[in-house]
Amino acid sequence: MQIKGTTKLLGIIGNPIEHSKSPLMQNSAIEALNLDYVYVPFDVKTEDLETVLKGFEAMNVRGFNVTIPHKENIIPLLSDITYIARKIGAVNTVYWTKQGWEGTNTDIDGFIAPLKALDVDWSQIVPLVLGAGGASRAVIVGLDELGCPNVRVVARDYEKCADFRDSFIYTPLKCSHIWAHTWDQIADILPHSNMIVNATPLGMYPNVDVSPLTEKDNELITDEFIVYDLIYTPRPTLLLQQAQQKGAISIDGSEMLVQQGAKAFEIWTGKKAPVDIMRQVLLNGK
């Protein structure tokens, strides 16, 4: 890849950001299609978000991804968001238009992709979602799209979890209920669940020896479970190692990253993303 005076700038903002594989994946796609773009990671603190967006506009940045912890708090700073981003209540992809910065959410495409490949009756799946942040919102909408009738969500703080649940009141979902719980209720919920989705950073590099489940919780996982960790670094996480030992179906966040990244790439460049190359580079790490 040759960076020139004509090279157009793309990127990703988050905090922390050093673990992100998106630059590797997106720059490989750019190089494969011989496009005059470069994709750069930016470590951005929440209090600097508005300033950074103004700086991006001044620098003629064409678009960027959004990761933890900015997926929700970036919304008021955008001129508009798509229907799916409004439904989810979180943005992970931003692009420049004549009206200013606009946002959408491609996480749902990435989240659903590996689940669609499973031979599962989703009306019989009772998911437990760990975390009540921006990533969890895409998970909830994705599970609803698949046909899960009920979803349980846990967070450290019940008030935050209840607010998260209530934020879906005016969202057109097909599922009957979203239940709010605190973290210490996981052991009570798991016997009535058959799927876990980790939408928290617990277990993400560099904290690779951390699992969102206690040893007591882990004992309740069976080979009938689907365990999906949105984290892709490390691969597998401790949570997925524990799930594999129990014979559960385990899914990491790598395919979600590939598919959401491919959608974003197409929005920014107008070109069909080389998905196979993006996947290969991500999994091989180079």
C-alpha atoms as a PDB file:
ATOM      1  CA  MET A   1       0.000   0.000   0.000  1.00  0.00           C
ATOM      2  CA  GLN A   2       1.374   3.375  -1.034  1.00  0.00           C
ATOM      3  CA  ILE A   3       0.130   6.436   0.864  1.00  0.00           C
ATOM      4  CA  LYS A   4       0.039   9.542  -1.323  1.00  0.00           C
ATOM      5  CA  GLY A   5      -1.306  13.073  -1.192  1.00  0.00           C
ATOM      6  CA  THR A   6      -4.523  11.766  -2.747  1.00  0.00           C
ATOM      7  CA  THR A   7      -5.015   8.961  -0.217  1.00  0.00           C
ATOM      8  CA  LYS A   8      -8.403   9.096   1.483  1.00  0.00           C
ATOM      9  CA  LEU A   9      -8.583   8.500   5.225  1.00  0.00           C
ATOM     10  CA  LEU A  10     -10.775   5.956   7.046  1.00  0.00           C
ATOM     11  CA  GLY A  11     -10.462   4.776  10.641  1.00  0.00           C
ATOM     12  CA  ILE A  12     -11.845   3.429  13.874  1.00  0.00           C
ATOM     13  CA  ILE A  13     -12.355   5.237  17.185  1.00  0.00           C
ATOM     14  CA  GLY A  14     -12.515   3.641  20.621  1.00  0.00           C
ATOM     15  CA  ASN A  15     -10.927   3.493  24.035  1.00  0.00           C
ATOM     16  CA  PRO A  16      -9.015   1.225  24.341  1.00  0.00           C
ATOM     17  CA  ILE A  17      -8.178   0.640  20.691  1.00  0.00           C
ATOM     18  CA  GLU A  18      -4.790  -1.128  20.610  1.00  0.00           C
ATOM     19  CA  HIS A  19      -6.419  -4.583  20.467  1.00  0.00           C
ATOM     20  CA  SER A  20      -8.411  -3.806  17.302  1.00  0.00           C
ATOM     21  CA  LYS A  21      -7.860  -6.019  14.250  1.00  0.00           C
ATOM     22  CA  SER A  22      -9.982  -3.774  12.044  1.00  0.00           C
ATOM     23  CA  PRO A  23      -6.979  -1.844  10.626  1.00  0.00           C
ATOM     24  CA  LEU A  24      -5.318  -5.090   9.558  1.00  0.00           C
ATOM     25  CA  MET A  25      -8.511  -6.392   7.989  1.00  0.00           C
ATOM     26  CA  GLN A  26      -9.639  -3.177   6.305  1.00  0.00           C
ATOM     27  CA  ASN A  27      -6.211  -2.255   4.940  1.00  0.00           C
ATOM     28  CA  SER A  28      -5.880  -5.748   3.468  1.00  0.00           C
ATOM     29  CA  ALA A  29      -9.209  -5.257   1.694  1.00  0.00           C
ATOM     30  CA  ILE A  30      -8.105  -1.834   0.452  1.00  0.00           C
ATOM     31  CA  GLU A  31      -4.851  -3.269  -0.865  1.00  0.00           C
ATOM     32  CA  ALA A  32      -6.592  -6.241  -2.508  1.00  0.00           C
ATOM     33  CA  LEU A  33      -8.770  -3.889  -4.562  1.00  0.00           C
ATOM     34  CA  ASN A  34      -5.918  -1.404  -5.131  1.00  0.00           C
ATOM     35  CA  LEU A  35      -7.920   1.505  -3.691  1.00  0.00           C
ATOM     36  CA  ASP A  36      -6.422   4.832  -2.664  1.00  0.00           C
ATOM     37  CA  TYR A  37      -7.508   4.640   0.992  1.00  0.00           C
ATOM     38  CA  VAL A  38      -5.854   3.973   4.346  1.00  0.00           C
ATOM     39  CA  TYR A  39      -7.572   2.858   7.575  1.00  0.00           C
ATOM     40  CA  VAL A  40      -6.146   4.139  10.881  1.00  0.00           C
ATOM     41  CA  PRO A  41      -6.988   3.446  14.568  1.00  0.00           C
ATOM     42  CA  PHE A  42      -7.651   6.432  16.847  1.00  0.00           C
ATOM     43  CA  ASP A  43      -7.688   6.186  20.648  1.00  0.00           C
ATOM     44  CA  VAL A  44     -10.454   8.617  21.579  1.00  0.00           C
ATOM     45  CA  LYS A  45     -11.709   9.446  25.060  1.00  0.00           C
ATOM     46  CA  THR A  46     -15.403  10.171  25.564  1.00  0.00           C
ATOM     47  CA  GLU A  47     -14.821  13.781  26.567  1.00  0.00           C
ATOM     48  CA  ASP A  48     -12.912  14.375  23.306  1.00  0.00           C
ATOM     49  CA  LEU A  49     -15.489  12.840  20.976  1.00  0.00           C
ATOM     50  CA  GLU A  50     -17.061  16.056  19.693  1.00  0.00           C
ATOM     51  CA  THR A  51     -13.654  17.644  19.113  1.00  0.00           C
ATOM     52  CA  VAL A  52     -12.442  14.580  17.221  1.00  0.00           C
ATOM     53  CA  LEU A  53     -15.474  14.628  14.893  1.00  0.00           C
ATOM     54  CA  LYS A  54     -14.797  18.272  14.039  1.00  0.00           C
ATOM     55  CA  GLY A  55     -11.155  17.375  13.431  1.00  0.00           C
ATOM     56  CA  PHE A  56     -12.147  14.494  11.152  1.00  0.00           C
ATOM     57  CA  GLU A  57     -14.330  16.869   9.145  1.00  0.00           C
ATOM     58  CA  ALA A  58     -11.470  19.322   8.796  1.00  0.00           C
ATOM     59  CA  MET A  59      -9.136  16.504   7.721  1.00  0.00           C
ATOM     60  CA  ASN A  60     -11.635  15.260   5.117  1.00  0.00           C
ATOM     61  CA  VAL A  61     -11.951  11.814   6.701  1.00  0.00           C
ATOM     62  CA  ARG A  62     -14.400   9.763   4.608  1.00  0.00           C
ATOM     63  CA  GLY A  63     -15.687   7.448   7.339  1.00  0.00           C
ATOM     64  CA  PHE A  64     -14.874   5.483  10.446  1.00  0.00           C
ATOM     65  CA  ASN A  65     -15.956   2.635  12.690  1.00  0.00           C
ATOM     66  CA  VAL A  66     -17.039   3.166  16.284  1.00  0.00           C
ATOM     67  CA  THR A  67     -16.286   0.743  19.103  1.00  0.00           C
ATOM     68  CA  ILE A  68     -16.399   0.672  22.918  1.00  0.00           C
ATOM     69  CA  PRO A  69     -17.385   2.996  24.594  1.00  0.00           C
ATOM     70  CA  HIS A  70     -18.744   5.377  21.930  1.00  0.00           C
ATOM     71  CA  LYS A  71     -21.490   3.459  20.089  1.00  0.00           C
ATOM     72  CA  GLU A  72     -24.316   5.200  21.911  1.00  0.00           C
ATOM     73  CA  ASN A  73     -22.873   8.562  22.943  1.00  0.00           C
ATOM     74  CA  ILE A  74     -21.832   9.426  19.390  1.00  0.00           C
ATOM     75  CA  ILE A  75     -25.457   9.529  18.200  1.00  0.00           C
ATOM     76  CA  PRO A  76     -26.292  13.102  19.360  1.00  0.00           C
ATOM     77  CA  LEU A  77     -23.230  14.348  17.478  1.00  0.00           C
ATOM     78  CA  LEU A  78     -24.395  12.979  14.112  1.00  0.00           C
ATOM     79  CA  SER A  79     -26.641  14.749  11.624  1.00  0.00           C
ATOM     80  CA  ASP A  80     -28.686  11.603  11.009  1.00  0.00           C
ATOM     81  CA  ILE A  81     -28.726   7.831  11.575  1.00  0.00           C
ATOM     82  CA  THR A  82     -30.346   5.017   9.607  1.00  0.00           C
ATOM     83  CA  TYR A  83     -33.503   3.167  10.621  1.00  0.00           C
ATOM     84  CA  ILE A  84     -31.550   0.106  11.779  1.00  0.00           C
ATOM     85  CA  ALA A  85     -29.216   2.252  13.894  1.00  0.00           C
ATOM     86  CA  ARG A  86     -32.241   3.987  15.383  1.00  0.00           C
ATOM     87  CA  LYS A  87     -33.865   0.619  16.111  1.00  0.00           C
ATOM     88  CA  ILE A  88     -30.703  -0.678  17.776  1.00  0.00           C
ATOM     89  CA  GLY A  89     -29.927   2.624  19.471  1.00  0.00           C
ATOM     90  CA  ALA A  90     -26.229   2.382  18.680  1.00  0.00           C
ATOM     91  CA  VAL A  91     -23.902   3.277  15.805  1.00  0.00           C
ATOM     92  CA  ASN A  92     -20.779   1.423  14.716  1.00  0.00           C
ATOM     93  CA  THR A  93     -20.218   2.905  11.252  1.00  0.00           C
ATOM     94  CA  VAL A  94     -20.089   6.599  10.359  1.00  0.00           C
ATOM     95  CA  TYR A  95     -19.733   8.175   6.910  1.00  0.00           C
ATOM     96  CA  TRP A  96     -19.562  11.733   5.568  1.00  0.00           C
ATOM     97  CA  THR A  97     -22.422  13.177   3.500  1.00  0.00           C
ATOM     98  CA  LYS A  98     -23.410  16.628   2.280  1.00  0.00           C
ATOM     99  CA  GLN A  99     -25.558  16.886   5.409  1.00  0.00           C
ATOM    100  CA  GLY A 100     -22.651  16.022   7.708  1.00  0.00           C
ATOM    101  CA  TRP A 101     -21.735  12.874   9.619  1.00  0.00           C
ATOM    102  CA  GLU A 102     -24.327  10.109   9.347  1.00  0.00           C
ATOM    103  CA  GLY A 103     -24.297   6.754  11.102  1.00  0.00           C
ATOM    104  CA  THR A 104     -25.566   3.220  10.740  1.00  0.00           C
ATOM    105  CA  ASN A 105     -25.095  -0.122  12.461  1.00  0.00           C
ATOM    106  CA  THR A 106     -23.562  -3.098  10.670  1.00  0.00           C
ATOM    107  CA  ASP A 107     -23.008  -5.066  13.886  1.00  0.00           C
ATOM    108  CA  ILE A 108     -26.358  -6.804  13.477  1.00  0.00           C
ATOM    109  CA  ASP A 109     -25.294  -8.194  10.075  1.00  0.00           C
ATOM    110  CA  GLY A 110     -22.082  -9.484  11.600  1.00  0.00           C
ATOM    111  CA  PHE A 111     -23.760 -10.917  14.696  1.00  0.00           C
ATOM    112  CA  ILE A 112     -26.406 -12.884  12.803  1.00  0.00           C
ATOM    113  CA  ALA A 113     -24.132 -14.272  10.068  1.00  0.00           C
ATOM    114  CA  PRO A 114     -22.608 -17.284  11.954  1.00  0.00           C
ATOM    115  CA  LEU A 115     -25.913 -18.017  13.734  1.00  0.00           C
ATOM    116  CA  LYS A 116     -27.804 -18.394  10.466  1.00  0.00           C
ATOM    117  CA  ALA A 117     -25.496 -21.285   9.618  1.00  0.00           C
ATOM    118  CA  LEU A 118     -26.728 -23.305  12.637  1.00  0.00           C
ATOM    119  CA  ASP A 119     -29.549 -25.842  12.355  1.00  0.00           C
ATOM    120  CA  VAL A 120     -31.518 -24.376  15.244  1.00  0.00           C
ATOM    121  CA  ASP A 121     -35.181 -23.707  16.009  1.00  0.00           C
ATOM    122  CA  TRP A 122     -34.763 -20.182  17.337  1.00  0.00           C
ATOM    123  CA  SER A 123     -38.231 -20.177  18.860  1.00  0.00           C
ATOM    124  CA  GLN A 124     -36.845 -22.670  21.388  1.00  0.00           C
ATOM    125  CA  ILE A 125     -33.717 -20.690  22.235  1.00  0.00           C
ATOM    126  CA  VAL A 126     -33.665 -18.697  25.482  1.00  0.00           C
ATOM    127  CA  PRO A 127     -30.646 -16.379  25.353  1.00  0.00           C
ATOM    128  CA  LEU A 128     -28.846 -14.737  28.255  1.00  0.00           C
ATOM    129  CA  VAL A 129     -27.040 -11.576  27.161  1.00  0.00           C
ATOM    130  CA  LEU A 130     -24.157 -10.414  29.343  1.00  0.00           C
ATOM    131  CA  GLY A 131     -23.888  -6.641  29.333  1.00  0.00           C
ATOM    132  CA  ALA A 132     -26.206  -3.716  28.639  1.00  0.00           C
ATOM    133  CA  GLY A 133     -24.156  -1.478  26.359  1.00  0.00           C
ATOM    134  CA  GLY A 134     -24.093  -0.557  22.678  1.00  0.00           C
ATOM    135  CA  ALA A 135     -23.003  -3.999  21.492  1.00  0.00           C
ATOM    136  CA  SER A 136     -25.833  -5.598  23.465  1.00  0.00           C
ATOM    137  CA  ARG A 137     -28.378  -3.534  21.584  1.00  0.00           C
ATOM    138  CA  ALA A 138     -27.369  -5.043  18.242  1.00  0.00           C
ATOM    139  CA  VAL A 139     -27.431  -8.489  19.879  1.00  0.00           C
ATOM    140  CA  ILE A 140     -30.999  -7.987  21.140  1.00  0.00           C
ATOM    141  CA  VAL A 141     -32.268  -6.849  17.745  1.00  0.00           C
ATOM    142  CA  GLY A 142     -30.389  -9.699  16.059  1.00  0.00           C
ATOM    143  CA  LEU A 143     -31.860 -12.326  18.379  1.00  0.00           C
ATOM    144  CA  ASP A 144     -35.276 -10.841  17.732  1.00  0.00           C
ATOM    145  CA  GLU A 145     -34.700 -11.073  13.975  1.00  0.00           C
ATOM    146  CA  LEU A 146     -33.805 -14.747  14.380  1.00  0.00           C
ATOM    147  CA  GLY A 147     -37.058 -15.400  16.249  1.00  0.00           C
ATOM    148  CA  CYS A 148     -36.108 -15.768  19.924  1.00  0.00           C
ATOM    149  CA  PRO A 149     -39.331 -15.139  21.909  1.00  0.00           C
ATOM    150  CA  ASN A 150     -37.648 -13.975  25.138  1.00  0.00           C
ATOM    151  CA  VAL A 151     -34.262 -12.514  26.014  1.00  0.00           C
ATOM    152  CA  ARG A 152     -32.669 -12.066  29.432  1.00  0.00           C
ATOM    153  CA  VAL A 153     -30.044  -9.389  30.040  1.00  0.00           C
ATOM    154  CA  VAL A 154     -27.686  -9.021  32.991  1.00  0.00           C
ATOM    155  CA  ALA A 155     -25.618  -6.028  34.103  1.00  0.00           C
ATOM    156  CA  ARG A 156     -23.715  -5.104  37.251  1.00  0.00           C
ATOM    157  CA  ASP A 157     -26.187  -2.357  38.023  1.00  0.00           C
ATOM    158  CA  TYR A 158     -29.899  -3.239  37.985  1.00  0.00           C
ATOM    159  CA  GLU A 159     -31.001   0.338  37.307  1.00  0.00           C
ATOM    160  CA  LYS A 160     -28.797   0.465  34.213  1.00  0.00           C
ATOM    161  CA  CYS A 161     -30.116  -2.907  33.072  1.00  0.00           C
ATOM    162  CA  ALA A 162     -33.725  -1.851  33.633  1.00  0.00           C
ATOM    163  CA  ASP A 163     -33.127   1.377  31.687  1.00  0.00           C
ATOM    164  CA  PHE A 164     -31.620  -0.721  28.905  1.00  0.00           C
ATOM    165  CA  ARG A 165     -34.716  -2.961  28.854  1.00  0.00           C
ATOM    166  CA  ASP A 166     -37.083   0.002  28.937  1.00  0.00           C
ATOM    167  CA  SER A 167     -35.280   1.689  26.056  1.00  0.00           C
ATOM    168  CA  PHE A 168     -36.795  -0.959  23.759  1.00  0.00           C
ATOM    169  CA  ILE A 169     -40.393  -0.104  24.738  1.00  0.00           C
ATOM    170  CA  TYR A 170     -41.002   1.856  21.544  1.00  0.00           C
ATOM    171  CA  THR A 171     -38.815  -0.362  19.361  1.00  0.00           C
ATOM    172  CA  PRO A 172     -40.779  -2.627  16.974  1.00  0.00           C
ATOM    173  CA  LEU A 173     -39.571  -6.014  18.241  1.00  0.00           C
ATOM    174  CA  LYS A 174     -41.286  -9.358  17.750  1.00  0.00           C
ATOM    175  CA  CYS A 175     -40.030 -10.926  20.992  1.00  0.00           C
ATOM    176  CA  SER A 176     -42.464 -11.046  23.912  1.00  0.00           C
ATOM    177  CA  HIS A 177     -40.173  -9.991  26.749  1.00  0.00           C
ATOM    178  CA  ILE A 178     -36.777  -8.542  27.569  1.00  0.00           C
ATOM    179  CA  TRP A 179     -35.948  -9.344  31.169  1.00  0.00           C
ATOM    180  CA  ALA A 180     -33.497  -7.307  33.270  1.00  0.00           C
ATOM    181  CA  HIS A 181     -31.294  -8.981  35.890  1.00  0.00           C
ATOM    182  CA  THR A 182     -28.207  -8.305  37.963  1.00  0.00           C
ATOM    183  CA  TRP A 183     -24.946 -10.197  37.610  1.00  0.00           C
ATOM    184  CA  ASP A 184     -25.433 -12.176  40.817  1.00  0.00           C
ATOM    185  CA  GLN A 185     -28.560 -13.788  39.324  1.00  0.00           C
ATOM    186  CA  ILE A 186     -26.691 -15.572  36.533  1.00  0.00           C
ATOM    187  CA  ALA A 187     -26.602 -18.890  38.393  1.00  0.00           C
ATOM    188  CA  ASP A 188     -30.388 -18.728  38.804  1.00  0.00           C
ATOM    189  CA  ILE A 189     -30.986 -17.880  35.150  1.00  0.00           C
ATOM    190  CA  LEU A 190     -28.668 -20.363  33.422  1.00  0.00           C
ATOM    191  CA  PRO A 191     -30.755 -23.499  34.184  1.00  0.00           C
ATOM    192  CA  HIS A 192     -33.580 -21.856  32.219  1.00  0.00           C
ATOM    193  CA  SER A 193     -31.371 -20.729  29.324  1.00  0.00           C
ATOM    194  CA  ASN A 194     -29.619 -22.479  26.454  1.00  0.00           C
ATOM    195  CA  MET A 195     -27.588 -19.638  24.976  1.00  0.00           C
ATOM    196  CA  ILE A 196     -25.078 -17.123  26.347  1.00  0.00           C
ATOM    197  CA  VAL A 197     -23.879 -14.030  24.502  1.00  0.00           C
ATOM    198  CA  ASN A 198     -20.994 -12.112  26.031  1.00  0.00           C
ATOM    199  CA  ALA A 199     -21.336  -8.490  24.935  1.00  0.00           C
ATOM    200  CA  THR A 200     -18.903  -7.165  27.555  1.00  0.00           C
ATOM    201  CA  PRO A 201     -15.116  -6.636  27.330  1.00  0.00           C
ATOM    202  CA  LEU A 202     -14.558  -9.233  30.085  1.00  0.00           C
ATOM    203  CA  GLY A 203     -11.905 -11.625  28.803  1.00  0.00           C
ATOM    204  CA  MET A 204     -10.609  -9.299  26.106  1.00  0.00           C
ATOM    205  CA  TYR A 205      -6.851  -8.828  25.625  1.00  0.00           C
ATOM    206  CA  PRO A 206      -4.856  -8.093  27.741  1.00  0.00           C
ATOM    207  CA  ASN A 207      -7.137  -9.581  30.444  1.00  0.00           C
ATOM    208  CA  VAL A 208      -7.094 -13.014  28.863  1.00  0.00           C
ATOM    209  CA  ASP A 209      -7.417 -14.906  32.165  1.00  0.00           C
ATOM    210  CA  VAL A 210     -10.807 -13.353  32.925  1.00  0.00           C
ATOM    211  CA  SER A 211     -14.203 -14.933  32.251  1.00  0.00           C
ATOM    212  CA  PRO A 212     -17.593 -13.260  32.752  1.00  0.00           C
ATOM    213  CA  LEU A 213     -18.800 -16.470  34.412  1.00  0.00           C
ATOM    214  CA  THR A 214     -17.781 -17.756  37.843  1.00  0.00           C
ATOM    215  CA  GLU A 215     -16.810 -21.385  38.335  1.00  0.00           C
ATOM    216  CA  LYS A 216     -20.284 -22.008  39.764  1.00  0.00           C
ATOM    217  CA  ASP A 217     -21.892 -20.420  36.699  1.00  0.00           C
ATOM    218  CA  ASN A 218     -19.683 -22.423  34.369  1.00  0.00           C
ATOM    219  CA  GLU A 219     -20.815 -25.707  35.927  1.00  0.00           C
ATOM    220  CA  LEU A 220     -24.329 -24.973  34.636  1.00  0.00           C
ATOM    221  CA  ILE A 221     -23.309 -24.911  30.958  1.00  0.00           C
ATOM    222  CA  THR A 222     -24.214 -28.114  29.095  1.00  0.00           C
ATOM    223  CA  ASP A 223     -23.637 -29.488  25.601  1.00  0.00           C
ATOM    224  CA  GLU A 224     -27.051 -28.083  24.636  1.00  0.00           C
ATOM    225  CA  PHE A 225     -25.808 -24.491  24.971  1.00  0.00           C
ATOM    226  CA  ILE A 226     -24.709 -22.028  22.317  1.00  0.00           C
ATOM    227  CA  VAL A 227     -22.001 -19.753  23.749  1.00  0.00           C
ATOM    228  CA  TYR A 228     -21.197 -16.699  21.643  1.00  0.00           C
ATOM    229  CA  ASP A 229     -18.426 -14.321  22.715  1.00  0.00           C
ATOM    230  CA  LEU A 230     -18.286 -11.084  20.718  1.00  0.00           C
ATOM    231  CA  ILE A 231     -14.608 -10.776  21.665  1.00  0.00           C
ATOM    232  CA  TYR A 232     -12.135 -11.908  19.001  1.00  0.00           C
ATOM    233  CA  THR A 233      -8.857 -11.209  20.828  1.00  0.00           C
ATOM    234  CA  PRO A 234      -7.801 -13.661  22.218  1.00  0.00           C
ATOM    235  CA  ARG A 235      -9.215 -16.455  20.125  1.00  0.00           C
ATOM    236  CA  PRO A 236     -10.675 -18.399  21.880  1.00  0.00           C
ATOM    237  CA  THR A 237     -11.438 -16.471  25.057  1.00  0.00           C
ATOM    238  CA  LEU A 238     -11.470 -18.214  28.425  1.00  0.00           C
ATOM    239  CA  LEU A 239     -15.296 -18.245  28.273  1.00  0.00           C
ATOM    240  CA  LEU A 240     -15.221 -20.158  24.989  1.00  0.00           C
ATOM    241  CA  GLN A 241     -12.548 -22.528  26.260  1.00  0.00           C
ATOM    242  CA  GLN A 242     -14.855 -23.353  29.155  1.00  0.00           C
ATOM    243  CA  ALA A 243     -17.789 -23.829  26.774  1.00  0.00           C
ATOM    244  CA  GLN A 244     -15.797 -26.123  24.507  1.00  0.00           C
ATOM    245  CA  GLN A 245     -14.887 -28.302  27.490  1.00  0.00           C
ATOM    246  CA  LYS A 246     -18.616 -28.754  28.121  1.00  0.00           C
ATOM    247  CA  GLY A 247     -19.322 -29.680  24.501  1.00  0.00           C
ATOM    248  CA  ALA A 248     -21.315 -26.516  23.833  1.00  0.00           C
ATOM    249  CA  ILE A 249     -21.435 -24.824  20.440  1.00  0.00           C
ATOM    250  CA  SER A 250     -18.912 -22.001  20.717  1.00  0.00           C
ATOM    251  CA  ILE A 251     -18.703 -18.957  18.446  1.00  0.00           C
ATOM    252  CA  ASP A 252     -16.178 -16.152  18.709  1.00  0.00           C
ATOM    253  CA  GLY A 253     -16.428 -12.602  17.414  1.00  0.00           C
ATOM    254  CA  SER A 254     -14.169 -13.037  14.393  1.00  0.00           C
ATOM    255  CA  GLU A 255     -16.907 -13.683  11.821  1.00  0.00           C
ATOM    256  CA  MET A 256     -18.998 -10.887  13.278  1.00  0.00           C
ATOM    257  CA  LEU A 257     -16.006  -8.579  12.841  1.00  0.00           C
ATOM    258  CA  VAL A 258     -15.491  -9.716   9.245  1.00  0.00           C
ATOM    259  CA  GLN A 259     -19.125  -9.333   8.193  1.00  0.00           C
ATOM    260  CA  GLN A 260     -19.753  -5.985   9.884  1.00  0.00           C
ATOM    261  CA  GLY A 261     -16.450  -4.726   8.498  1.00  0.00           C
ATOM    262  CA  ALA A 262     -17.349  -5.831   4.993  1.00  0.00           C
ATOM    263  CA  LYS A 263     -20.635  -3.914   5.157  1.00  0.00           C
ATOM    264  CA  ALA A 264     -18.829  -0.795   6.379  1.00  0.00           C
ATOM    265  CA  PHE A 265     -16.173  -1.134   3.653  1.00  0.00           C
ATOM    266  CA  GLU A 266     -18.880  -1.172   0.986  1.00  0.00           C
ATOM    267  CA  ILE A 267     -20.567   1.914   2.448  1.00  0.00           C
ATOM    268  CA  TRP A 268     -17.322   3.894   2.409  1.00  0.00           C
ATOM    269  CA  THR A 269     -15.854   2.771  -0.917  1.00  0.00           C
ATOM    270  CA  GLY A 270     -18.868   1.742  -2.988  1.00  0.00           C
ATOM    271  CA  LYS A 271     -16.986  -1.458  -3.838  1.00  0.00           C
ATOM    272  CA  LYS A 272     -17.899  -5.065  -3.033  1.00  0.00           C
ATOM    273  CA  ALA A 273     -15.774  -6.144  -0.087  1.00  0.00           C
ATOM    274  CA  PRO A 274     -13.303  -9.030  -0.575  1.00  0.00           C
ATOM    275  CA  VAL A 275     -14.796 -10.971   2.358  1.00  0.00           C
ATOM    276  CA  ASP A 276     -12.620 -14.071   1.932  1.00  0.00           C
ATOM    277  CA  ILE A 277      -9.451 -11.991   2.067  1.00  0.00           C
ATOM    278  CA  MET A 278     -10.672 -10.074   5.104  1.00  0.00           C
ATOM    279  CA  ARG A 279     -11.480 -13.324   6.905  1.00  0.00           C
ATOM    280  CA  GLN A 280      -8.190 -14.972   5.980  1.00  0.00           C
ATOM    281  CA  VAL A 281      -6.138 -11.991   7.125  1.00  0.00           C
ATOM    282  CA  LEU A 282      -8.048 -11.716  10.388  1.00  0.00           C
ATOM    283  CA  LEU A 283      -7.696 -15.403  11.247  1.00  0.00           C
ATOM    284  CA  ASN A 284      -4.054 -15.616  10.200  1.00  0.00           C
ATOM    285  CA  GLY A 285      -3.178 -12.351  11.917  1.00  0.00           C
ATOM    286  CA  LYS A 286      -1.245 -11.021   8.949  1.00  0.00           C
END
